[in-house]
């Protein structure tokens, strides 16, 4: 008789949720043990293992995943804006330095 362990990773969980919905996450929890990262997946594993009989468990899991996706999109947007700002600022500084060199020489 074997011991069935399952790896639960945030990226895979998000991808499965977005393509197949909450049922794909429910299907993860059929193993004897779970190994997860310490991000969203870890929180979901902890919630599921502590709340097996809770009738609103999967609604809460779904809300957690949706919130994580929304926050990730915000963070990615902010990173993109900062990248564009610093890229523009570096170009601007280079142009200003060239202008100074050209006009000063």
Protein backbone atom coordinates (compact mmCIF):
# COMPACT_ATOMS: atom_id res chain seq x y z
CA UNK A 1 0.00 0.00 0.00
CA UNK A 2 1.48 3.33 -1.07
CA UNK A 3 1.53 6.76 0.42
CA UNK A 4 0.03 9.36 -1.90
CA UNK A 5 1.54 12.83 -1.56
CA UNK A 6 0.62 15.77 -3.78
CA UNK A 7 2.54 18.94 -4.55
CA UNK A 8 0.31 22.02 -4.42
CA UNK A 9 1.89 25.05 -6.06
CA UNK A 10 0.37 28.51 -6.38
CA UNK A 11 1.07 28.96 -10.11
CA UNK A 12 -0.49 25.62 -11.00
CA UNK A 13 -3.45 26.28 -8.71
CA UNK A 14 -4.12 29.67 -10.32
CA UNK A 15 -3.82 28.28 -13.84
CA UNK A 16 -6.18 25.36 -13.09
CA UNK A 17 -8.66 27.65 -11.35
CA UNK A 18 -8.76 30.06 -14.28
CA UNK A 19 -9.32 27.29 -16.83
CA UNK A 20 -11.46 24.78 -14.90
CA UNK A 21 -12.86 26.64 -11.88
CA UNK A 22 -13.10 25.60 -8.23
CA UNK A 23 -13.64 21.92 -9.10
CA UNK A 24 -10.01 21.70 -10.24
CA UNK A 25 -8.91 22.80 -6.76
CA UNK A 26 -11.31 20.37 -5.07
CA UNK A 27 -9.74 17.53 -7.08
CA UNK A 28 -6.30 18.35 -5.66
CA UNK A 29 -7.38 17.32 -2.17
CA UNK A 30 -7.64 13.57 -2.63
CA UNK A 31 -4.13 12.66 -1.44
CA UNK A 32 -2.80 11.42 1.90
CA UNK A 33 -0.42 14.37 2.34
CA UNK A 34 0.27 17.74 0.73
CA UNK A 35 3.45 19.70 0.09
CA UNK A 36 2.98 23.36 -0.80
CA UNK A 37 4.79 26.65 -1.14
CA UNK A 38 4.24 29.29 1.51
CA UNK A 39 2.16 31.55 -0.71
CA UNK A 40 -1.50 31.16 -1.64
CA UNK A 41 -1.19 27.37 -2.01
CA UNK A 42 0.01 27.00 1.57
CA UNK A 43 -2.89 29.06 2.87
CA UNK A 44 -5.40 27.04 0.83
CA UNK A 45 -3.96 23.71 2.03
CA UNK A 46 -4.12 24.90 5.63
CA UNK A 47 -7.69 26.12 5.20
CA UNK A 48 -8.86 22.90 3.54
CA UNK A 49 -7.22 20.61 6.08
CA UNK A 50 -8.64 22.59 9.00
CA UNK A 51 -12.14 22.96 7.52
CA UNK A 52 -13.03 19.68 5.79
CA UNK A 53 -16.62 19.76 7.07
CA UNK A 54 -17.23 23.47 6.54
CA UNK A 55 -20.05 23.97 4.00
CA UNK A 56 -18.64 27.32 2.84
CA UNK A 57 -15.08 26.06 2.50
CA UNK A 58 -14.91 26.10 -1.29
CA UNK A 59 -16.55 29.52 -1.47
CA UNK A 60 -13.81 30.87 0.81
CA UNK A 61 -11.10 29.11 -1.21
CA UNK A 62 -12.54 30.60 -4.41
CA UNK A 63 -12.56 34.08 -2.84
CA UNK A 64 -8.93 33.66 -1.73
CA UNK A 65 -7.84 32.67 -5.22
CA UNK A 66 -9.76 35.52 -6.85
CA UNK A 67 -8.24 38.02 -4.41
CA UNK A 68 -4.74 36.67 -5.08
CA UNK A 69 -5.25 36.97 -8.84
CA UNK A 70 -6.54 40.54 -8.51
CA UNK A 71 -3.64 41.57 -6.24
CA UNK A 72 -1.12 39.94 -8.60
CA UNK A 73 -2.52 41.95 -11.50
CA UNK A 74 -2.22 45.17 -9.46
CA UNK A 75 1.36 44.37 -8.48
CA UNK A 76 2.29 43.56 -12.08
CA UNK A 77 0.73 46.84 -13.23
CA UNK A 78 2.69 48.78 -10.61
CA UNK A 79 5.93 47.00 -11.59
CA UNK A 80 5.30 47.85 -15.23
CA UNK A 81 4.63 51.51 -14.41
CA UNK A 82 7.80 51.74 -12.30
CA UNK A 83 9.82 50.07 -15.05
CA UNK A 84 8.49 52.51 -17.64
CA UNK A 85 9.10 55.49 -15.34
CA UNK A 86 12.70 54.53 -14.57
CA UNK A 87 13.35 53.62 -18.17
CA UNK A 88 12.04 57.05 -19.24
CA UNK A 89 14.02 58.76 -16.47
CA UNK A 90 17.26 57.00 -17.51
CA UNK A 91 16.71 57.97 -21.16
CA UNK A 92 15.94 61.51 -20.05
CA UNK A 93 19.14 61.67 -17.98
CA UNK A 94 21.20 60.32 -20.86
CA UNK A 95 19.66 62.91 -23.20
CA UNK A 96 20.28 65.67 -20.67
CA UNK A 97 23.90 64.55 -20.27
CA UNK A 98 24.40 64.49 -24.03
CA UNK A 99 22.78 67.90 -24.34
CA UNK A 100 25.06 69.25 -21.64
CA UNK A 101 28.13 67.76 -23.29
CA UNK A 102 27.13 69.03 -26.73
CA UNK A 103 26.24 72.52 -25.56
CA UNK A 104 29.16 72.76 -23.17
CA UNK A 105 31.76 71.66 -25.70
